[in-house]
Amino acid sequence: MKFLIITIMLVCNFNSCNSTKHNDDNQENYQKYIGKSINYFLEQNKGYSKLIINEGKPRVAISLLVIYPNSITIELFPKEFKYMKQFDELGKWNLELFKKETIETIRILKNNSVIDVVPYNENLFNPVD
């Protein structure tokens, strides 16, 4: 009996660990922001503690990190840069212009580990910059 209980606990724990990699609730909750402005996302999801423009290659903006105090970070990737210059020689981007950009992809992180990507994209779980 003890073996059965331990086996059930291990299976349940294994399944819950795997479910953090792709969560249908995240897909449903965040899909509505795809194609909308970053500013719209921020207006609907207040409570963040910090906004950071993230760079891929030096001085090339690739996303906006929306950091919440509960160890959750939402990374917003624009479809293209229509309002803000993606490259800035000094790495000083205009956040207000970035907020006008349209969201193409949302990456959800907890404790700096990717837990989901909307729309789902396996390559964004462990990107190679």
C-alpha atoms as a PDB file:
ATOM      1  CA  MET A   1       0.000   0.000   0.000  1.00  0.00           C
ATOM      2  CA  LYS A   2       2.809   2.388   0.895  1.00  0.00           C
ATOM      3  CA  PHE A   3       4.439   1.663  -2.493  1.00  0.00           C
ATOM      4  CA  LEU A   4       1.170   2.482  -4.278  1.00  0.00           C
ATOM      5  CA  ILE A   5       0.811   5.827  -2.495  1.00  0.00           C
ATOM      6  CA  ILE A   6       4.408   6.804  -3.255  1.00  0.00           C
ATOM      7  CA  THR A   7       3.966   5.793  -6.904  1.00  0.00           C
ATOM      8  CA  ILE A   8       0.795   7.890  -7.215  1.00  0.00           C
ATOM      9  CA  MET A   9       2.528  10.877  -5.619  1.00  0.00           C
ATOM     10  CA  LEU A  10       5.475  10.577  -8.005  1.00  0.00           C
ATOM     11  CA  VAL A  11       3.220  10.324 -11.055  1.00  0.00           C
ATOM     12  CA  CYS A  12       1.173  13.342  -9.962  1.00  0.00           C
ATOM     13  CA  ASN A  13       4.318  15.348  -9.265  1.00  0.00           C
ATOM     14  CA  PHE A  14       5.815  14.382 -12.649  1.00  0.00           C
ATOM     15  CA  ASN A  15       2.633  15.397 -14.478  1.00  0.00           C
ATOM     16  CA  SER A  16       2.432  18.749 -12.708  1.00  0.00           C
ATOM     17  CA  CYS A  17       6.068  19.507 -13.598  1.00  0.00           C
ATOM     18  CA  ASN A  18       5.433  18.749 -17.255  1.00  0.00           C
ATOM     19  CA  SER A  19       2.308  20.884 -17.355  1.00  0.00           C
ATOM     20  CA  THR A  20       4.265  24.055 -16.593  1.00  0.00           C
ATOM     21  CA  LYS A  21       5.864  23.949 -20.046  1.00  0.00           C
ATOM     22  CA  HIS A  22       2.632  24.559 -21.930  1.00  0.00           C
ATOM     23  CA  ASN A  23      -0.513  25.672 -20.183  1.00  0.00           C
ATOM     24  CA  ASP A  24      -3.814  26.027 -22.045  1.00  0.00           C
ATOM     25  CA  ASP A  25      -4.987  28.605 -19.484  1.00  0.00           C
ATOM     26  CA  ASN A  26      -2.015  30.812 -20.348  1.00  0.00           C
ATOM     27  CA  GLN A  27      -2.795  30.409 -24.034  1.00  0.00           C
ATOM     28  CA  GLU A  28      -6.390  31.484 -23.471  1.00  0.00           C
ATOM     29  CA  ASN A  29      -5.585  34.342 -21.073  1.00  0.00           C
ATOM     30  CA  TYR A  30      -2.813  35.900 -23.140  1.00  0.00           C
ATOM     31  CA  GLN A  31      -3.910  35.124 -26.710  1.00  0.00           C
ATOM     32  CA  LYS A  32      -6.262  38.120 -26.625  1.00  0.00           C
ATOM     33  CA  TYR A  33      -3.243  40.460 -26.482  1.00  0.00           C
ATOM     34  CA  ILE A  34      -1.617  39.165 -29.664  1.00  0.00           C
ATOM     35  CA  GLY A  35      -2.022  41.862 -32.320  1.00  0.00           C
ATOM     36  CA  LYS A  36      -2.736  44.562 -29.698  1.00  0.00           C
ATOM     37  CA  SER A  37      -0.417  47.353 -28.590  1.00  0.00           C
ATOM     38  CA  ILE A  38       2.000  46.841 -25.720  1.00  0.00           C
ATOM     39  CA  ASN A  39       0.363  49.838 -24.068  1.00  0.00           C
ATOM     40  CA  TYR A  40      -3.003  48.029 -24.128  1.00  0.00           C
ATOM     41  CA  PHE A  41      -1.415  45.010 -22.411  1.00  0.00           C
ATOM     42  CA  LEU A  42       0.087  47.264 -19.722  1.00  0.00           C
ATOM     43  CA  GLU A  43      -3.225  49.049 -19.119  1.00  0.00           C
ATOM     44  CA  GLN A  44      -4.986  45.697 -18.645  1.00  0.00           C
ATOM     45  CA  ASN A  45      -2.237  44.134 -16.494  1.00  0.00           C
ATOM     46  CA  LYS A  46      -1.243  46.708 -13.901  1.00  0.00           C
ATOM     47  CA  GLY A  47       0.735  45.918 -10.773  1.00  0.00           C
ATOM     48  CA  TYR A  48       4.091  45.488 -12.457  1.00  0.00           C
ATOM     49  CA  SER A  49       7.110  46.826 -10.607  1.00  0.00           C
ATOM     50  CA  LYS A  50       9.451  47.483 -13.513  1.00  0.00           C
ATOM     51  CA  LEU A  51       9.629  47.749 -17.302  1.00  0.00           C
ATOM     52  CA  ILE A  52      12.905  46.929 -19.044  1.00  0.00           C
ATOM     53  CA  ILE A  53      13.645  47.105 -22.747  1.00  0.00           C
ATOM     54  CA  ASN A  54      15.555  43.908 -23.430  1.00  0.00           C
ATOM     55  CA  GLU A  55      18.319  43.789 -26.005  1.00  0.00           C
ATOM     56  CA  GLY A  56      19.413  40.766 -28.012  1.00  0.00           C
ATOM     57  CA  LYS A  57      22.536  41.849 -29.803  1.00  0.00           C
ATOM     58  CA  PRO A  58      24.253  44.894 -28.300  1.00  0.00           C
ATOM     59  CA  ARG A  59      22.117  48.009 -28.761  1.00  0.00           C
ATOM     60  CA  VAL A  60      19.333  46.105 -30.595  1.00  0.00           C
ATOM     61  CA  ALA A  61      16.005  46.033 -28.746  1.00  0.00           C
ATOM     62  CA  ILE A  62      14.075  42.759 -29.031  1.00  0.00           C
ATOM     63  CA  SER A  63      11.404  42.780 -26.309  1.00  0.00           C
ATOM     64  CA  LEU A  64       9.931  44.468 -23.269  1.00  0.00           C
ATOM     65  CA  LEU A  65      10.226  42.770 -19.883  1.00  0.00           C
ATOM     66  CA  VAL A  66       7.240  43.450 -17.627  1.00  0.00           C
ATOM     67  CA  ILE A  67       8.379  42.483 -14.150  1.00  0.00           C
ATOM     68  CA  TYR A  68       5.891  41.726 -11.384  1.00  0.00           C
ATOM     69  CA  PRO A  69       6.752  41.468  -7.676  1.00  0.00           C
ATOM     70  CA  ASN A  70       5.601  37.794  -7.475  1.00  0.00           C
ATOM     71  CA  SER A  71       8.617  36.462  -9.468  1.00  0.00           C
ATOM     72  CA  ILE A  72       6.585  36.550 -12.709  1.00  0.00           C
ATOM     73  CA  THR A  73       7.988  38.292 -15.773  1.00  0.00           C
ATOM     74  CA  ILE A  74       6.033  38.763 -18.970  1.00  0.00           C
ATOM     75  CA  GLU A  75       8.190  39.309 -22.038  1.00  0.00           C
ATOM     76  CA  LEU A  76       6.449  41.061 -24.919  1.00  0.00           C
ATOM     77  CA  PHE A  77       7.915  40.687 -28.403  1.00  0.00           C
ATOM     78  CA  PRO A  78       6.729  43.197 -31.016  1.00  0.00           C
ATOM     79  CA  LYS A  79       5.776  42.077 -34.496  1.00  0.00           C
ATOM     80  CA  GLU A  80       8.040  44.742 -35.963  1.00  0.00           C
ATOM     81  CA  PHE A  81       9.366  48.105 -34.881  1.00  0.00           C
ATOM     82  CA  LYS A  82       7.169  50.760 -36.495  1.00  0.00           C
ATOM     83  CA  TYR A  83       7.410  53.495 -33.852  1.00  0.00           C
ATOM     84  CA  MET A  84      10.685  53.019 -32.004  1.00  0.00           C
ATOM     85  CA  LYS A  85      14.074  52.517 -33.622  1.00  0.00           C
ATOM     86  CA  GLN A  86      15.175  48.973 -32.841  1.00  0.00           C
ATOM     87  CA  PHE A  87      18.862  49.913 -32.975  1.00  0.00           C
ATOM     88  CA  ASP A  88      20.233  52.690 -30.799  1.00  0.00           C
ATOM     89  CA  GLU A  89      23.953  53.346 -30.693  1.00  0.00           C
ATOM     90  CA  LEU A  90      23.770  54.316 -27.016  1.00  0.00           C
ATOM     91  CA  GLY A  91      21.208  51.677 -26.016  1.00  0.00           C
ATOM     92  CA  LYS A  92      18.802  54.420 -24.898  1.00  0.00           C
ATOM     93  CA  TRP A  93      15.373  53.561 -26.265  1.00  0.00           C
ATOM     94  CA  ASN A  94      12.160  55.529 -25.960  1.00  0.00           C
ATOM     95  CA  LEU A  95       9.827  53.464 -23.759  1.00  0.00           C
ATOM     96  CA  GLU A  96       6.761  55.499 -24.743  1.00  0.00           C
ATOM     97  CA  LEU A  97       7.354  54.704 -28.424  1.00  0.00           C
ATOM     98  CA  PHE A  98       7.993  51.042 -27.587  1.00  0.00           C
ATOM     99  CA  LYS A  99       4.579  50.873 -25.878  1.00  0.00           C
ATOM    100  CA  LYS A 100       2.937  51.694 -29.226  1.00  0.00           C
ATOM    101  CA  GLU A 101       4.353  48.569 -30.886  1.00  0.00           C
ATOM    102  CA  THR A 102       2.104  45.597 -31.688  1.00  0.00           C
ATOM    103  CA  ILE A 103       2.564  42.344 -29.758  1.00  0.00           C
ATOM    104  CA  GLU A 104       3.439  39.268 -31.807  1.00  0.00           C
ATOM    105  CA  THR A 105       4.557  36.892 -29.030  1.00  0.00           C
ATOM    106  CA  ILE A 106       4.308  36.744 -25.246  1.00  0.00           C
ATOM    107  CA  ARG A 107       6.741  34.732 -23.152  1.00  0.00           C
ATOM    108  CA  ILE A 108       5.810  33.986 -19.521  1.00  0.00           C
ATOM    109  CA  LEU A 109       8.590  33.416 -17.001  1.00  0.00           C
ATOM    110  CA  LYS A 110       8.577  32.474 -13.317  1.00  0.00           C
ATOM    111  CA  ASN A 111      11.820  32.819 -11.372  1.00  0.00           C
ATOM    112  CA  ASN A 112      13.560  33.515 -14.712  1.00  0.00           C
ATOM    113  CA  SER A 113      12.483  30.166 -16.208  1.00  0.00           C
ATOM    114  CA  VAL A 114      10.148  30.076 -19.198  1.00  0.00           C
ATOM    115  CA  ILE A 115       6.819  28.467 -18.298  1.00  0.00           C
ATOM    116  CA  ASP A 116       4.886  29.237 -21.485  1.00  0.00           C
ATOM    117  CA  VAL A 117       4.904  31.065 -24.796  1.00  0.00           C
ATOM    118  CA  VAL A 118       1.828  32.532 -26.521  1.00  0.00           C
ATOM    119  CA  PRO A 119       1.237  31.611 -29.260  1.00  0.00           C
ATOM    120  CA  TYR A 120       3.028  28.384 -28.438  1.00  0.00           C
ATOM    121  CA  ASN A 121       6.529  28.276 -29.936  1.00  0.00           C
ATOM    122  CA  GLU A 122       9.017  25.650 -28.708  1.00  0.00           C
ATOM    123  CA  ASN A 123      11.967  27.747 -29.937  1.00  0.00           C
ATOM    124  CA  LEU A 124      11.188  30.548 -27.488  1.00  0.00           C
ATOM    125  CA  PHE A 125      11.472  28.270 -24.454  1.00  0.00           C
ATOM    126  CA  ASN A 126      15.256  28.236 -24.804  1.00  0.00           C
ATOM    127  CA  PRO A 127      16.165  30.836 -27.422  1.00  0.00           C
ATOM    128  CA  VAL A 128      19.663  31.144 -28.803  1.00  0.00           C
ATOM    129  CA  ASP A 129      20.479  34.819 -29.241  1.00  0.00           C
END
